[in-house]
Protein backbone atom coordinates (compact mmCIF):
# COMPACT_ATOMS: atom_id res chain seq x y z
CA MET A 1 -34.61 18.77 3.67
CA ARG A 2 -35.64 16.05 1.29
CA LEU A 3 -32.84 13.56 2.09
CA GLU A 4 -32.71 13.95 5.88
CA ASP A 5 -33.77 10.35 6.54
CA LYS A 6 -31.35 8.81 4.01
CA LYS A 7 -28.02 7.12 4.75
CA VAL A 8 -25.32 6.67 2.12
CA ILE A 9 -22.03 4.79 2.03
CA ALA A 10 -19.30 6.63 0.12
CA LEU A 11 -16.37 4.30 -0.46
CA VAL A 12 -12.86 5.70 -0.18
CA ASP A 13 -9.30 4.49 -0.76
CA GLU A 14 -6.03 6.04 -1.90
CA ASP A 15 -6.04 7.86 -5.24
CA PHE A 16 -9.80 8.45 -5.42
CA GLU A 17 -10.79 11.07 -7.98
CA ASP A 18 -11.15 14.10 -5.72
CA LEU A 19 -14.21 15.67 -7.34
CA GLU A 20 -15.95 12.33 -7.90
CA LEU A 21 -15.89 11.69 -4.15
CA TRP A 22 -16.40 15.16 -2.70
CA TYR A 23 -18.93 16.67 -5.11
CA PRO A 24 -21.58 13.97 -4.46
CA VAL A 25 -20.80 13.76 -0.73
CA LEU A 26 -21.21 17.50 -0.22
CA ARG A 27 -24.32 17.81 -2.39
CA LEU A 28 -26.07 14.93 -0.61
CA ARG A 29 -25.12 16.34 2.79
CA GLU A 30 -26.51 19.73 1.71
CA GLU A 31 -29.84 17.99 1.14
CA GLY A 32 -29.75 16.38 4.58
CA ALA A 33 -28.42 12.89 3.83
CA GLU A 34 -26.05 11.21 6.27
CA VAL A 35 -23.05 10.21 4.17
CA ASP A 36 -20.41 8.03 5.78
CA LEU A 37 -16.96 7.82 4.22
CA VAL A 38 -16.06 4.14 4.50
CA GLY A 39 -12.57 2.75 3.98
CA LYS A 40 -10.39 -0.15 5.06
CA GLU A 41 -9.84 1.53 8.43
CA ALA A 42 -11.84 4.07 10.42
CA ASN A 43 -10.32 7.52 10.95
CA GLN A 44 -7.78 6.87 8.20
CA LYS A 45 -6.70 9.75 5.99
CA TYR A 46 -6.81 8.89 2.29
CA ILE A 47 -5.37 11.21 -0.34
CA GLY A 48 -7.08 11.82 -3.66
CA LYS A 49 -5.33 11.86 -7.04
CA TYR A 50 -4.96 15.64 -6.83
CA GLY A 51 -4.05 15.83 -3.15
CA VAL A 52 -7.42 16.46 -1.50
CA PRO A 53 -7.68 14.38 1.68
CA ALA A 54 -10.65 12.40 2.94
CA THR A 55 -10.77 10.83 6.40
CA SER A 56 -12.91 7.73 6.72
CA ASP A 57 -15.73 7.80 9.25
CA LYS A 58 -15.95 4.02 9.43
CA ALA A 59 -14.07 0.88 8.48
CA PHE A 60 -15.53 -1.73 6.15
CA SER A 61 -15.88 -4.03 9.16
CA ASP A 62 -17.99 -1.41 11.01
CA VAL A 63 -20.66 -1.20 8.32
CA ASP A 64 -23.84 -3.19 7.83
CA PRO A 65 -25.15 -2.33 4.35
CA SER A 66 -28.71 -3.05 5.46
CA ASP A 67 -28.49 0.16 7.52
CA TYR A 68 -28.00 2.23 4.35
CA ASP A 69 -30.15 3.40 1.46
CA ALA A 70 -27.42 3.81 -1.15
CA ILE A 71 -23.75 3.45 -2.00
CA LEU A 72 -21.46 5.74 -3.97
CA VAL A 73 -18.33 4.47 -5.67
CA PRO A 74 -15.97 7.24 -6.81
CA GLY A 75 -13.57 6.90 -9.70
CA GLY A 76 -9.87 7.53 -9.92
CA TRP A 77 -7.53 4.66 -9.20
CA ALA A 78 -9.26 3.79 -5.91
CA PRO A 79 -11.75 1.39 -7.58
CA ASP A 80 -8.91 -0.91 -8.60
CA LYS A 81 -8.00 -1.15 -4.90
CA LEU A 82 -11.56 -1.20 -3.53
CA ARG A 83 -12.63 -4.16 -5.67
CA ARG A 84 -10.04 -6.35 -3.94
CA PHE A 85 -11.90 -6.16 -0.60
CA PRO A 86 -14.58 -8.85 -0.15
CA GLU A 87 -16.53 -6.47 2.12
CA VAL A 88 -16.81 -3.89 -0.66
CA LEU A 89 -18.09 -6.48 -3.11
CA ASP A 90 -20.56 -7.69 -0.48
CA PHE A 91 -21.81 -4.10 0.03
CA VAL A 92 -22.40 -3.67 -3.71
CA ARG A 93 -24.09 -7.07 -4.05
CA HIS A 94 -26.31 -6.32 -1.05
CA MET A 95 -27.39 -3.00 -2.55
CA ASN A 96 -28.04 -4.69 -5.87
CA ASP A 97 -29.98 -7.62 -4.36
CA HIS A 98 -32.19 -5.22 -2.38
CA GLN A 99 -32.65 -2.75 -5.24
CA LYS A 100 -30.96 0.01 -3.27
CA LEU A 101 -29.33 2.87 -5.11
CA ILE A 102 -25.82 2.35 -6.51
CA GLY A 103 -23.89 5.29 -7.93
CA GLN A 104 -20.73 4.79 -9.95
CA ILE A 105 -18.65 7.19 -12.00
CA CYS A 106 -15.58 6.90 -14.22
CA HIS A 107 -13.42 3.89 -13.22
CA ALA A 108 -15.85 2.92 -10.43
CA GLY A 109 -17.35 0.43 -12.87
CA TRP A 110 -14.45 -1.87 -12.00
CA VAL A 111 -16.00 -2.44 -8.55
CA LEU A 112 -19.36 -3.37 -10.07
CA ILE A 113 -17.63 -5.67 -12.55
CA SER A 114 -15.85 -7.48 -9.71
CA ALA A 115 -19.15 -7.71 -7.80
CA ASP A 116 -20.59 -9.39 -10.92
CA ILE A 117 -23.77 -7.29 -11.08
CA LEU A 118 -23.60 -5.78 -14.58
CA GLN A 119 -25.02 -8.58 -16.73
CA GLY A 120 -27.81 -7.08 -18.84
CA LYS A 121 -27.50 -3.59 -17.30
CA LYS A 122 -27.31 -0.29 -19.19
CA VAL A 123 -24.34 1.78 -18.01
CA THR A 124 -21.74 4.35 -18.83
CA SER A 125 -18.21 4.93 -17.51
CA THR A 126 -15.00 6.49 -18.62
CA PRO A 127 -14.49 5.28 -22.20
CA GLY A 128 -11.22 3.73 -21.01
CA ILE A 129 -13.10 0.86 -19.36
CA LYS A 130 -15.87 0.51 -21.94
CA ASP A 131 -14.52 -2.90 -23.00
CA ASP A 132 -14.37 -4.06 -19.38
CA MET A 133 -18.01 -3.02 -18.88
CA THR A 134 -19.26 -4.72 -22.05
CA ASN A 135 -17.21 -7.85 -21.34
CA ALA A 136 -19.02 -8.00 -17.98
CA GLY A 137 -22.31 -8.16 -19.86
CA ALA A 138 -23.39 -4.52 -19.72
CA SER A 139 -24.71 -2.37 -22.55
CA TRP A 140 -22.49 0.75 -22.60
CA SER A 141 -23.52 4.23 -23.77
CA ASP A 142 -21.43 7.37 -24.12
CA GLU A 143 -23.80 9.61 -22.14
CA ALA A 144 -23.35 11.90 -19.14
CA VAL A 145 -25.72 9.81 -16.99
CA VAL A 146 -27.28 6.41 -17.55
CA VAL A 147 -29.98 5.07 -15.24
CA ASP A 148 -30.97 1.42 -15.18
CA GLY A 149 -33.35 0.86 -12.29
CA HIS A 150 -31.37 1.42 -9.09
CA LEU A 151 -28.03 1.83 -10.90
CA VAL A 152 -26.89 5.37 -11.77
CA SER A 153 -23.66 5.66 -13.75
CA SER A 154 -21.65 8.52 -15.17
CA ARG A 155 -18.47 9.10 -17.19
CA ARG A 156 -16.20 11.74 -15.67
CA PRO A 157 -15.98 14.95 -13.56
CA PRO A 158 -17.65 17.29 -16.10
CA ASP A 159 -20.75 15.06 -15.80
CA LEU A 160 -21.00 15.50 -12.03
CA PRO A 161 -23.85 18.07 -12.00
CA PRO A 162 -26.35 15.90 -13.91
CA TYR A 163 -25.07 12.68 -12.27
CA VAL A 164 -25.48 13.93 -8.71
CA LYS A 165 -28.85 15.52 -9.48
CA VAL A 166 -30.20 12.24 -10.84
CA PHE A 167 -28.68 10.30 -7.92
CA ALA A 168 -30.22 12.66 -5.34
CA ASP A 169 -33.61 12.60 -7.10
CA LYS A 170 -33.61 8.78 -7.17
CA LEU A 171 -32.57 8.65 -3.52
CA ALA A 172 -35.43 10.98 -2.59
CA GLU A 173 -37.88 8.65 -4.39
CA GLN A 174 -36.87 5.59 -2.34
């Protein structure tokens, strides 16, 4: 399997967008990647916007981002909570500083904004946070997937098939 030696952090908190967490996690696992669900606490059950649960494998404090090849930030309302944790912002900054893959979809752009890594980047997101993205210095496009180096962004659940394909292809290239 082409991703069997890859490790990915998938951030989780209450009110994540169910498909935007689970679709990438399952697809990457199908290709052999180790994907750890990481939340404030280990073994904590978080409930998605539509009621699908996700139990964290690890707590933020248990994770060293240098042990991972990529990070996934799901959308929903979870990003507004996740961006308040210094550890989450440190994870994203570490991935950015080391040119490791960062995936963000929908409202996940809020986490990247708070990590202050979007200046001069090409991105997309849900149109609802377009102004937030551009005010953070990004160039925003209304496209299903936008790739800028190690940053892969997408708009919403209907864009998941091309988003996850591009993310998995980029992860395989690393």
